[in-house]
Amino acid sequence: NDKPSAIFKISGLKAGVGGEHPFGMMSAPHMPSVAQVGVSIESLEQLA
């Protein structure tokens, strides 16, 4: 709510590299030619 927007550079990211995330067991539609941006609502303590 205090920082309602953010710009992220994705051109330098590497496919196949990642860490823990909350989308592992979700039934998010996966299409092989489409990237995805996910937003997970979490506590501010977790975000910090």
All heavy atoms as atom14 arrays in JSON, in Angstrom:
{
  "sequence": "NDKPSAIFKISGLKAGVGGEHPFGMMSAPHMPSVAQVGVSIESLEQLA",
  "atom14_mask": [
    [1, 1, 1, 1, 1, 1, 1, 1, 0, 0, 0, 0, 0, 0],
    [1, 1, 1, 1, 1, 1, 1, 1, 0, 0, 0, 0, 0, 0],
    [1, 1, 1, 1, 1, 1, 1, 1, 1, 0, 0, 0, 0, 0],
    [1, 1, 1, 1, 1, 1, 1, 0, 0, 0, 0, 0, 0, 0],
    [1, 1, 1, 1, 1, 1, 0, 0, 0, 0, 0, 0, 0, 0],
    [1, 1, 1, 1, 1, 0, 0, 0, 0, 0, 0, 0, 0, 0],
    [1, 1, 1, 1, 1, 1, 1, 1, 0, 0, 0, 0, 0, 0],
    [1, 1, 1, 1, 1, 1, 1, 1, 1, 1, 1, 0, 0, 0],
    [1, 1, 1, 1, 1, 1, 1, 1, 1, 0, 0, 0, 0, 0],
    [1, 1, 1, 1, 1, 1, 1, 1, 0, 0, 0, 0, 0, 0],
    [1, 1, 1, 1, 1, 1, 0, 0, 0, 0, 0, 0, 0, 0],
    [1, 1, 1, 1, 0, 0, 0, 0, 0, 0, 0, 0, 0, 0],
    [1, 1, 1, 1, 1, 1, 1, 1, 0, 0, 0, 0, 0, 0],
    [1, 1, 1, 1, 1, 1, 1, 1, 1, 0, 0, 0, 0, 0],
    [1, 1, 1, 1, 1, 0, 0, 0, 0, 0, 0, 0, 0, 0],
    [1, 1, 1, 1, 0, 0, 0, 0, 0, 0, 0, 0, 0, 0],
    [1, 1, 1, 1, 1, 1, 1, 0, 0, 0, 0, 0, 0, 0],
    [1, 1, 1, 1, 0, 0, 0, 0, 0, 0, 0, 0, 0, 0],
    [1, 1, 1, 1, 0, 0, 0, 0, 0, 0, 0, 0, 0, 0],
    [1, 1, 1, 1, 1, 1, 1, 1, 1, 0, 0, 0, 0, 0],
    [1, 1, 1, 1, 1, 1, 1, 1, 1, 1, 0, 0, 0, 0],
    [1, 1, 1, 1, 1, 1, 1, 0, 0, 0, 0, 0, 0, 0],
    [1, 1, 1, 1, 1, 1, 1, 1, 1, 1, 1, 0, 0, 0],
    [1, 1, 1, 1, 0, 0, 0, 0, 0, 0, 0, 0, 0, 0],
    [1, 1, 1, 1, 1, 1, 1, 1, 0, 0, 0, 0, 0, 0],
    [1, 1, 1, 1, 1, 1, 1, 1, 0, 0, 0, 0, 0, 0],
    [1, 1, 1, 1, 1, 1, 0, 0, 0, 0, 0, 0, 0, 0],
    [1, 1, 1, 1, 1, 0, 0, 0, 0, 0, 0, 0, 0, 0],
    [1, 1, 1, 1, 1, 1, 1, 0, 0, 0, 0, 0, 0, 0],
    [1, 1, 1, 1, 1, 1, 1, 1, 1, 1, 0, 0, 0, 0],
    [1, 1, 1, 1, 1, 1, 1, 1, 0, 0, 0, 0, 0, 0],
    [1, 1, 1, 1, 1, 1, 1, 0, 0, 0, 0, 0, 0, 0],
    [1, 1, 1, 1, 1, 1, 0, 0, 0, 0, 0, 0, 0, 0],
    [1, 1, 1, 1, 1, 1, 1, 0, 0, 0, 0, 0, 0, 0],
    [1, 1, 1, 1, 1, 0, 0, 0, 0, 0, 0, 0, 0, 0],
    [1, 1, 1, 1, 1, 1, 1, 1, 1, 0, 0, 0, 0, 0],
    [1, 1, 1, 1, 1, 1, 1, 0, 0, 0, 0, 0, 0, 0],
    [1, 1, 1, 1, 0, 0, 0, 0, 0, 0, 0, 0, 0, 0],
    [1, 1, 1, 1, 1, 1, 1, 0, 0, 0, 0, 0, 0, 0],
    [1, 1, 1, 1, 1, 1, 0, 0, 0, 0, 0, 0, 0, 0],
    [1, 1, 1, 1, 1, 1, 1, 1, 0, 0, 0, 0, 0, 0],
    [1, 1, 1, 1, 1, 1, 1, 1, 1, 0, 0, 0, 0, 0],
    [1, 1, 1, 1, 1, 1, 0, 0, 0, 0, 0, 0, 0, 0],
    [1, 1, 1, 1, 1, 1, 1, 1, 0, 0, 0, 0, 0, 0],
    [1, 1, 1, 1, 1, 1, 1, 1, 1, 0, 0, 0, 0, 0],
    [1, 1, 1, 1, 1, 1, 1, 1, 1, 0, 0, 0, 0, 0],
    [1, 1, 1, 1, 1, 1, 1, 1, 0, 0, 0, 0, 0, 0],
    [1, 1, 1, 1, 1, 0, 0, 0, 0, 0, 0, 0, 0, 0]
  ],
  "atom14_positions": [
    [[0.84, -1.21, 0.0], [0.0, 0.0, 0.0], [0.87, 1.25, 0.0], [0.49, 2.27, -0.57], [-0.94, 0.0, 1.21], [-2.01, -1.08, 1.1], [-2.39, -1.49, 0.01], [-2.49, -1.54, 2.24], [0.0, 0.0, 0.0], [0.0, 0.0, 0.0], [0.0, 0.0, 0.0], [0.0, 0.0, 0.0], [0.0, 0.0, 0.0], [0.0, 0.0, 0.0]],
    [[2.04, 1.2, 0.64], [2.96, 2.35, 0.68], [3.82, 2.45, -0.57], [4.36, 3.5, -0.87], [3.86, 2.27, 1.91], [3.08, 2.43, 3.21], [2.04, 3.11, 3.19], [3.52, 1.86, 4.23], [0.0, 0.0, 0.0], [0.0, 0.0, 0.0], [0.0, 0.0, 0.0], [0.0, 0.0, 0.0], [0.0, 0.0, 0.0], [0.0, 0.0, 0.0]],
    [[4.0, 1.35, -1.28], [4.79, 1.3, -2.52], [3.93, 0.58, -3.56], [4.12, -0.6, -3.84], [6.09, 0.55, -2.27], [7.0, 0.49, -3.48], [8.2, -0.4, -3.19], [8.92, -0.67, -4.48], [9.49, -1.98, -4.55], [0.0, 0.0, 0.0], [0.0, 0.0, 0.0], [0.0, 0.0, 0.0], [0.0, 0.0, 0.0], [0.0, 0.0, 0.0]],
    [[2.95, 1.3, -4.15], [1.93, 0.65, -4.97], [2.36, 0.25, -6.38], [1.56, -0.3, -7.13], [0.81, 1.67, -5.02], [1.49, 2.98, -4.82], [2.67, 2.72, -3.94], [0.0, 0.0, 0.0], [0.0, 0.0, 0.0], [0.0, 0.0, 0.0], [0.0, 0.0, 0.0], [0.0, 0.0, 0.0], [0.0, 0.0, 0.0], [0.0, 0.0, 0.0]],
    [[3.62, 0.51, -6.76], [4.06, 0.09, -8.08], [5.56, -0.18, -8.05], [6.27, 0.33, -7.19], [3.74, 1.16, -9.13], [4.49, 2.33, -8.88], [0.0, 0.0, 0.0], [0.0, 0.0, 0.0], [0.0, 0.0, 0.0], [0.0, 0.0, 0.0], [0.0, 0.0, 0.0], [0.0, 0.0, 0.0], [0.0, 0.0, 0.0], [0.0, 0.0, 0.0]],
    [[6.01, -0.97, -9.01], [7.43, -1.26, -9.12], [7.74, -1.65, -10.56], [6.92, -2.25, -11.24], [7.82, -2.39, -8.17], [0.0, 0.0, 0.0], [0.0, 0.0, 0.0], [0.0, 0.0, 0.0], [0.0, 0.0, 0.0], [0.0, 0.0, 0.0], [0.0, 0.0, 0.0], [0.0, 0.0, 0.0], [0.0, 0.0, 0.0], [0.0, 0.0, 0.0]],
    [[8.96, -1.29, -10.99], [9.45, -1.65, -12.32], [10.51, -2.73, -12.13], [11.39, -2.59, -11.28], [10.07, -0.44, -13.04], [9.07, 0.69, -13.16], [10.62, -0.85, -14.41], [9.68, 1.99, -13.67], [0.0, 0.0, 0.0], [0.0, 0.0, 0.0], [0.0, 0.0, 0.0], [0.0, 0.0, 0.0], [0.0, 0.0, 0.0], [0.0, 0.0, 0.0]],
    [[10.43, -3.8, -12.92], [11.38, -4.89, -12.81], [12.02, -5.16, -14.16], [11.34, -5.21, -15.18], [10.69, -6.17, -12.32], [9.99, -6.0, -11.01], [8.62, -5.93, -10.95], [10.71, -5.89, -9.83], [7.96, -5.77, -9.74], [10.07, -5.72, -8.62], [8.7, -5.67, -8.57], [0.0, 0.0, 0.0], [0.0, 0.0, 0.0], [0.0, 0.0, 0.0]],
    [[13.32, -5.34, -14.16], [14.06, -5.67, -15.38], [14.08, -7.19, -15.49], [14.61, -7.88, -14.62], [15.48, -5.13, -15.3], [16.31, -5.41, -16.51], [17.69, -4.81, -16.37], [18.53, -5.16, -17.58], [19.9, -4.69, -17.42], [0.0, 0.0, 0.0], [0.0, 0.0, 0.0], [0.0, 0.0, 0.0], [0.0, 0.0, 0.0], [0.0, 0.0, 0.0]],
    [[13.51, -7.71, -16.57], [13.47, -9.16, -16.75], [14.38, -9.64, -17.88], [14.59, -10.84, -18.03], [12.03, -9.67, -16.98], [11.43, -9.07, -18.24], [11.16, -9.39, -15.77], [10.11, -9.69, -18.64], [0.0, 0.0, 0.0], [0.0, 0.0, 0.0], [0.0, 0.0, 0.0], [0.0, 0.0, 0.0], [0.0, 0.0, 0.0], [0.0, 0.0, 0.0]],
    [[14.96, -8.71, -18.64], [15.77, -9.11, -19.8], [17.04, -9.86, -19.4], [17.53, -10.67, -20.16], [16.11, -7.9, -20.66], [16.83, -6.95, -19.9], [0.0, 0.0, 0.0], [0.0, 0.0, 0.0], [0.0, 0.0, 0.0], [0.0, 0.0, 0.0], [0.0, 0.0, 0.0], [0.0, 0.0, 0.0], [0.0, 0.0, 0.0], [0.0, 0.0, 0.0]],
    [[17.56, -9.63, -18.21], [18.8, -10.29, -17.81], [18.59, -11.55, -16.99], [19.55, -12.18, -16.57], [0.0, 0.0, 0.0], [0.0, 0.0, 0.0], [0.0, 0.0, 0.0], [0.0, 0.0, 0.0], [0.0, 0.0, 0.0], [0.0, 0.0, 0.0], [0.0, 0.0, 0.0], [0.0, 0.0, 0.0], [0.0, 0.0, 0.0], [0.0, 0.0, 0.0]],
    [[17.35, -11.94, -16.76], [17.08, -13.12, -15.94], [17.34, -14.39, -16.74], [17.23, -14.4, -17.96], [15.63, -13.11, -15.44], [15.21, -11.89, -14.63], [13.77, -12.03, -14.18], [16.12, -11.7, -13.43], [0.0, 0.0, 0.0], [0.0, 0.0, 0.0], [0.0, 0.0, 0.0], [0.0, 0.0, 0.0], [0.0, 0.0, 0.0], [0.0, 0.0, 0.0]],
    [[17.69, -15.45, -16.06], [18.0, -16.72, -16.72], [16.88, -17.72, -16.5], [16.41, -17.9, -15.38], [19.3, -17.27, -16.19], [20.51, -16.42, -16.54], [21.76, -17.04, -15.97], [23.02, -16.34, -16.4], [23.09, -14.95, -16.29], [0.0, 0.0, 0.0], [0.0, 0.0, 0.0], [0.0, 0.0, 0.0], [0.0, 0.0, 0.0], [0.0, 0.0, 0.0]],
    [[16.48, -18.38, -17.56], [15.45, -19.43, -17.45], [16.0, -20.59, -16.63], [17.19, -20.88, -16.66], [15.05, -19.91, -18.85], [0.0, 0.0, 0.0], [0.0, 0.0, 0.0], [0.0, 0.0, 0.0], [0.0, 0.0, 0.0], [0.0, 0.0, 0.0], [0.0, 0.0, 0.0], [0.0, 0.0, 0.0], [0.0, 0.0, 0.0], [0.0, 0.0, 0.0]],
    [[15.12, -21.23, -15.89], [15.52, -22.4, -15.12], [16.16, -22.1, -13.79], [16.51, -22.99, -13.04], [0.0, 0.0, 0.0], [0.0, 0.0, 0.0], [0.0, 0.0, 0.0], [0.0, 0.0, 0.0], [0.0, 0.0, 0.0], [0.0, 0.0, 0.0], [0.0, 0.0, 0.0], [0.0, 0.0, 0.0], [0.0, 0.0, 0.0], [0.0, 0.0, 0.0]],
    [[16.38, -20.82, -13.47], [17.0, -20.43, -12.21], [15.92, -19.83, -11.33], [15.21, -18.93, -11.74], [18.12, -19.38, -12.44], [18.71, -18.93, -11.13], [19.18, -19.94, -13.36], [0.0, 0.0, 0.0], [0.0, 0.0, 0.0], [0.0, 0.0, 0.0], [0.0, 0.0, 0.0], [0.0, 0.0, 0.0], [0.0, 0.0, 0.0], [0.0, 0.0, 0.0]],
    [[15.78, -20.34, -10.11], [14.77, -19.82, -9.21], [14.96, -20.34, -7.82], [15.88, -21.09, -7.54], [0.0, 0.0, 0.0], [0.0, 0.0, 0.0], [0.0, 0.0, 0.0], [0.0, 0.0, 0.0], [0.0, 0.0, 0.0], [0.0, 0.0, 0.0], [0.0, 0.0, 0.0], [0.0, 0.0, 0.0], [0.0, 0.0, 0.0], [0.0, 0.0, 0.0]],
    [[14.08, -19.96, -6.94], [14.17, -20.4, -5.55], [12.8, -20.78, -5.04], [11.91, -21.13, -5.8], [0.0, 0.0, 0.0], [0.0, 0.0, 0.0], [0.0, 0.0, 0.0], [0.0, 0.0, 0.0], [0.0, 0.0, 0.0], [0.0, 0.0, 0.0], [0.0, 0.0, 0.0], [0.0, 0.0, 0.0], [0.0, 0.0, 0.0], [0.0, 0.0, 0.0]],
    [[12.66, -20.69, -3.72], [11.37, -20.99, -3.11], [10.33, -20.0, -3.61], [10.62, -18.83, -3.79], [11.47, -20.89, -1.59], [12.16, -22.06, -0.96], [12.04, -22.01, 0.55], [10.98, -21.6, 1.07], [13.03, -22.37, 1.2], [0.0, 0.0, 0.0], [0.0, 0.0, 0.0], [0.0, 0.0, 0.0], [0.0, 0.0, 0.0], [0.0, 0.0, 0.0]],
    [[9.12, -20.51, -3.82], [8.04, -19.65, -4.29], [6.71, -20.24, -3.87], [6.61, -21.44, -3.61], [8.11, -19.48, -5.81], [8.0, -20.77, -6.55], [6.79, -21.36, -6.81], [8.95, -21.6, -7.03], [7.0, -22.49, -7.46], [8.29, -22.67, -7.59], [0.0, 0.0, 0.0], [0.0, 0.0, 0.0], [0.0, 0.0, 0.0], [0.0, 0.0, 0.0]],
    [[5.7, -19.42, -3.83], [4.4, -19.9, -3.38], [3.52, -20.47, -4.5], [2.38, -20.84, -4.25], [3.75, -18.64, -2.81], [4.32, -17.54, -3.63], [5.73, -17.98, -3.93], [0.0, 0.0, 0.0], [0.0, 0.0, 0.0], [0.0, 0.0, 0.0], [0.0, 0.0, 0.0], [0.0, 0.0, 0.0], [0.0, 0.0, 0.0], [0.0, 0.0, 0.0]],
    [[4.04, -20.58, -5.72], [3.22, -21.02, -6.84], [3.42, -22.49, -7.19], [2.86, -22.98, -8.15], [3.5, -20.16, -8.08], [3.05, -18.74, -7.92], [3.94, -17.77, -7.48], [1.75, -18.37, -8.19], [3.53, -16.46, -7.31], [1.33, -17.07, -8.02], [2.22, -16.11, -7.59], [0.0, 0.0, 0.0], [0.0, 0.0, 0.0], [0.0, 0.0, 0.0]],
    [[4.22, -23.21, -6.4], [4.56, -24.6, -6.71], [3.38, -25.53, -6.88], [3.33, -26.32, -7.8], [0.0, 0.0, 0.0], [0.0, 0.0, 0.0], [0.0, 0.0, 0.0], [0.0, 0.0, 0.0], [0.0, 0.0, 0.0], [0.0, 0.0, 0.0], [0.0, 0.0, 0.0], [0.0, 0.0, 0.0], [0.0, 0.0, 0.0], [0.0, 0.0, 0.0]],
    [[2.4, -25.46, -6.02], [1.27, -26.39, -6.07], [0.02, -25.76, -6.67], [-1.04, -26.35, -6.67], [0.95, -26.89, -4.66], [2.08, -27.66, -4.02], [2.49, -29.07, -5.06], [4.11, -29.46, -4.48], [0.0, 0.0, 0.0], [0.0, 0.0, 0.0], [0.0, 0.0, 0.0], [0.0, 0.0, 0.0], [0.0, 0.0, 0.0], [0.0, 0.0, 0.0]],
    [[0.15, -24.57, -7.19], [-1.01, -23.88, -7.77], [-1.31, -24.44, -9.15], [-0.43, -24.89, -9.85], [-0.76, -22.37, -7.9], [-0.53, -21.66, -6.59], [-1.98, -21.7, -5.56], [-1.44, -22.76, -4.25], [0.0, 0.0, 0.0], [0.0, 0.0, 0.0], [0.0, 0.0, 0.0], [0.0, 0.0, 0.0], [0.0, 0.0, 0.0], [0.0, 0.0, 0.0]],
    [[-2.55, -24.34, -9.52], [-2.94, -24.81, -10.85], [-2.93, -23.65, -11.84], [-3.87, -23.44, -12.57], [-4.33, -25.44, -10.78], [-5.25, -24.46, -10.31], [0.0, 0.0, 0.0], [0.0, 0.0, 0.0], [0.0, 0.0, 0.0], [0.0, 0.0, 0.0], [0.0, 0.0, 0.0], [0.0, 0.0, 0.0], [0.0, 0.0, 0.0], [0.0, 0.0, 0.0]],
    [[-1.83, -22.88, -11.81], [-1.7, -21.77, -12.76], [-1.54, -22.37, -14.15], [-0.79, -23.32, -14.33], [-0.48, -20.92, -12.41], [0.0, 0.0, 0.0], [0.0, 0.0, 0.0], [0.0, 0.0, 0.0], [0.0, 0.0, 0.0], [0.0, 0.0, 0.0], [0.0, 0.0, 0.0], [0.0, 0.0, 0.0], [0.0, 0.0, 0.0], [0.0, 0.0, 0.0]],
    [[-2.23, -21.83, -15.12], [-2.13, -22.4, -16.46], [-0.7, -22.23, -16.98], [-0.13, -21.16, -16.88], [-3.12, -21.55, -17.27], [-3.23, -20.28, -16.52], [-3.03, -20.62, -15.08], [0.0, 0.0, 0.0], [0.0, 0.0, 0.0], [0.0, 0.0, 0.0], [0.0, 0.0, 0.0], [0.0, 0.0, 0.0], [0.0, 0.0, 0.0], [0.0, 0.0, 0.0]],
    [[-0.13, -23.29, -17.49], [1.24, -23.24, -17.98], [1.22, -23.45, -19.49], [0.83, -24.51, -19.96], [2.09, -24.31, -17.3], [3.48, -24.39, -17.84], [4.35, -23.34, -17.78], [4.14, -25.41, -18.46], [5.5, -23.7, -18.34], [5.38, -24.94, -18.75], [0.0, 0.0, 0.0], [0.0, 0.0, 0.0], [0.0, 0.0, 0.0], [0.0, 0.0, 0.0]],
    [[1.64, -22.42, -20.21], [1.73, -22.52, -21.66], [3.2, -22.37, -22.03], [3.85, -21.42, -21.58], [0.88, -21.43, -22.32], [-0.61, -21.63, -22.06], [-1.58, -20.23, -22.61], [-1.49, -19.18, -21.17], [0.0, 0.0, 0.0], [0.0, 0.0, 0.0], [0.0, 0.0, 0.0], [0.0, 0.0, 0.0], [0.0, 0.0, 0.0], [0.0, 0.0, 0.0]],
    [[3.77, -23.28, -22.8], [5.19, -23.29, -23.05], [5.75, -22.04, -23.73], [6.92, -21.77, -23.64], [5.42, -24.52, -23.92], [4.09, -25.04, -24.27], [3.06, -24.37, -23.44], [0.0, 0.0, 0.0], [0.0, 0.0, 0.0], [0.0, 0.0, 0.0], [0.0, 0.0, 0.0], [0.0, 0.0, 0.0], [0.0, 0.0, 0.0], [0.0, 0.0, 0.0]],
    [[4.95, -21.23, -24.39], [5.49, -20.05, -25.09], [5.12, -18.74, -24.4], [5.34, -17.68, -24.95], [4.98, -20.04, -26.53], [3.57, -19.92, -26.52], [0.0, 0.0, 0.0], [0.0, 0.0, 0.0], [0.0, 0.0, 0.0], [0.0, 0.0, 0.0], [0.0, 0.0, 0.0], [0.0, 0.0, 0.0], [0.0, 0.0, 0.0], [0.0, 0.0, 0.0]],
    [[4.55, -18.82, -23.2], [4.09, -17.62, -22.52], [4.73, -17.53, -21.13], [4.66, -18.47, -20.35], [2.54, -17.64, -22.37], [2.05, -16.44, -21.6], [1.89, -17.7, -23.75], [0.0, 0.0, 0.0], [0.0, 0.0, 0.0], [0.0, 0.0, 0.0], [0.0, 0.0, 0.0], [0.0, 0.0, 0.0], [0.0, 0.0, 0.0], [0.0, 0.0, 0.0]],
    [[5.38, -16.4, -20.86], [5.95, -16.17, -19.53], [4.82, -15.75, -18.59], [3.72, -15.41, -19.04], [7.01, -15.09, -19.59], [0.0, 0.0, 0.0], [0.0, 0.0, 0.0], [0.0, 0.0, 0.0], [0.0, 0.0, 0.0], [0.0, 0.0, 0.0], [0.0, 0.0, 0.0], [0.0, 0.0, 0.0], [0.0, 0.0, 0.0], [0.0, 0.0, 0.0]],
    [[5.09, -15.77, -17.3], [4.07, -15.39, -16.33], [4.67, -14.49, -15.24], [5.81, -14.66, -14.85], [3.47, -16.63, -15.67], [2.73, -17.52, -16.65], [2.26, -18.81, -16.02], [2.97, -19.45, -15.26], [1.02, -19.18, -16.33], [0.0, 0.0, 0.0], [0.0, 0.0, 0.0], [0.0, 0.0, 0.0], [0.0, 0.0, 0.0], [0.0, 0.0, 0.0]],
    [[3.85, -13.54, -14.78], [4.17, -12.74, -13.61], [3.15, -13.12, -12.56], [1.95, -13.1, -12.82], [4.1, -11.22, -13.91], [4.2, -10.41, -12.63], [5.21, -10.81, -14.87], [0.0, 0.0, 0.0], [0.0, 0.0, 0.0], [0.0, 0.0, 0.0], [0.0, 0.0, 0.0], [0.0, 0.0, 0.0], [0.0, 0.0, 0.0], [0.0, 0.0, 0.0]],
    [[3.62, -13.49, -11.39], [2.72, -13.87, -10.31], [2.81, -12.89, -9.15], [3.89, -12.37, -8.86], [0.0, 0.0, 0.0], [0.0, 0.0, 0.0], [0.0, 0.0, 0.0], [0.0, 0.0, 0.0], [0.0, 0.0, 0.0], [0.0, 0.0, 0.0], [0.0, 0.0, 0.0], [0.0, 0.0, 0.0], [0.0, 0.0, 0.0], [0.0, 0.0, 0.0]],
    [[1.69, -12.62, -8.52], [1.64, -11.78, -7.33], [1.05, -12.63, -6.21], [-0.05, -13.17, -6.35], [0.78, -10.51, -7.55], [0.75, -9.68, -6.26], [1.32, -9.69, -8.71], [0.0, 0.0, 0.0], [0.0, 0.0, 0.0], [0.0, 0.0, 0.0], [0.0, 0.0, 0.0], [0.0, 0.0, 0.0], [0.0, 0.0, 0.0], [0.0, 0.0, 0.0]],
    [[1.8, -12.76, -5.13], [1.37, -13.55, -3.98], [1.19, -12.62, -2.79], [2.13, -11.93, -2.39], [2.43, -14.62, -3.66], [2.11, -15.29, -2.47], [0.0, 0.0, 0.0], [0.0, 0.0, 0.0], [0.0, 0.0, 0.0], [0.0, 0.0, 0.0], [0.0, 0.0, 0.0], [0.0, 0.0, 0.0], [0.0, 0.0, 0.0], [0.0, 0.0, 0.0]],
    [[-0.01, -12.58, -2.23], [-0.26, -11.73, -1.07], [0.34, -12.4, 0.16], [0.0, -13.54, 0.48], [-1.77, -11.46, -0.89], [-2.3, -10.75, -2.13], [-2.02, -10.64, 0.37], [-3.79, -10.51, -2.11], [0.0, 0.0, 0.0], [0.0, 0.0, 0.0], [0.0, 0.0, 0.0], [0.0, 0.0, 0.0], [0.0, 0.0, 0.0], [0.0, 0.0, 0.0]],
    [[1.26, -11.68, 0.81], [1.98, -12.22, 1.95], [2.09, -11.15, 3.03], [1.91, -9.96, 2.76], [3.37, -12.69, 1.52], [3.31, -13.78, 0.45], [4.67, -14.15, -0.13], [5.7, -13.67, 0.39], [4.69, -14.9, -1.12], [0.0, 0.0, 0.0], [0.0, 0.0, 0.0], [0.0, 0.0, 0.0], [0.0, 0.0, 0.0], [0.0, 0.0, 0.0]],
    [[2.45, -11.57, 4.24], [2.6, -10.6, 5.33], [3.82, -9.72, 5.07], [4.78, -10.15, 4.41], [2.75, -11.32, 6.67], [4.03, -11.93, 6.76], [0.0, 0.0, 0.0], [0.0, 0.0, 0.0], [0.0, 0.0, 0.0], [0.0, 0.0, 0.0], [0.0, 0.0, 0.0], [0.0, 0.0, 0.0], [0.0, 0.0, 0.0], [0.0, 0.0, 0.0]],
    [[3.77, -8.5, 5.57], [4.9, -7.58, 5.4], [6.17, -8.14, 6.03], [7.27, -7.91, 5.54], [4.55, -6.2, 5.98], [3.44, -5.43, 5.25], [3.13, -4.13, 5.98], [3.81, -5.17, 3.8], [0.0, 0.0, 0.0], [0.0, 0.0, 0.0], [0.0, 0.0, 0.0], [0.0, 0.0, 0.0], [0.0, 0.0, 0.0], [0.0, 0.0, 0.0]],
    [[6.01, -8.88, 7.14], [7.17, -9.5, 7.79], [7.82, -10.52, 6.85], [9.04, -10.59, 6.74], [6.77, -10.19, 9.1], [6.34, -9.25, 10.2], [4.88, -8.78, 10.05], [4.05, -9.51, 9.47], [4.59, -7.65, 10.49], [0.0, 0.0, 0.0], [0.0, 0.0, 0.0], [0.0, 0.0, 0.0], [0.0, 0.0, 0.0], [0.0, 0.0, 0.0]],
    [[7.0, -11.32, 6.17], [7.51, -12.29, 5.2], [8.22, -11.59, 4.05], [9.3, -12.0, 3.63], [6.37, -13.13, 4.63], [6.28, -14.53, 5.14], [5.15, -15.26, 4.43], [4.02, -14.79, 4.39], [5.46, -16.41, 3.88], [0.0, 0.0, 0.0], [0.0, 0.0, 0.0], [0.0, 0.0, 0.0], [0.0, 0.0, 0.0], [0.0, 0.0, 0.0]],
    [[7.62, -10.52, 3.55], [8.22, -9.79, 2.43], [9.58, -9.23, 2.82], [10.51, -9.23, 2.02], [7.3, -8.64, 1.99], [5.98, -9.05, 1.32], [5.15, -7.81, 1.02], [6.22, -9.87, 0.07], [0.0, 0.0, 0.0], [0.0, 0.0, 0.0], [0.0, 0.0, 0.0], [0.0, 0.0, 0.0], [0.0, 0.0, 0.0], [0.0, 0.0, 0.0]],
    [[9.7, -8.72, 4.05], [10.96, -8.12, 4.5], [12.08, -9.16, 4.6], [13.26, -8.81, 4.49], [10.75, -7.45, 5.85], [0.0, 0.0, 0.0], [0.0, 0.0, 0.0], [0.0, 0.0, 0.0], [0.0, 0.0, 0.0], [0.0, 0.0, 0.0], [0.0, 0.0, 0.0], [0.0, 0.0, 0.0], [0.0, 0.0, 0.0], [0.0, 0.0, 0.0]]
  ]
}
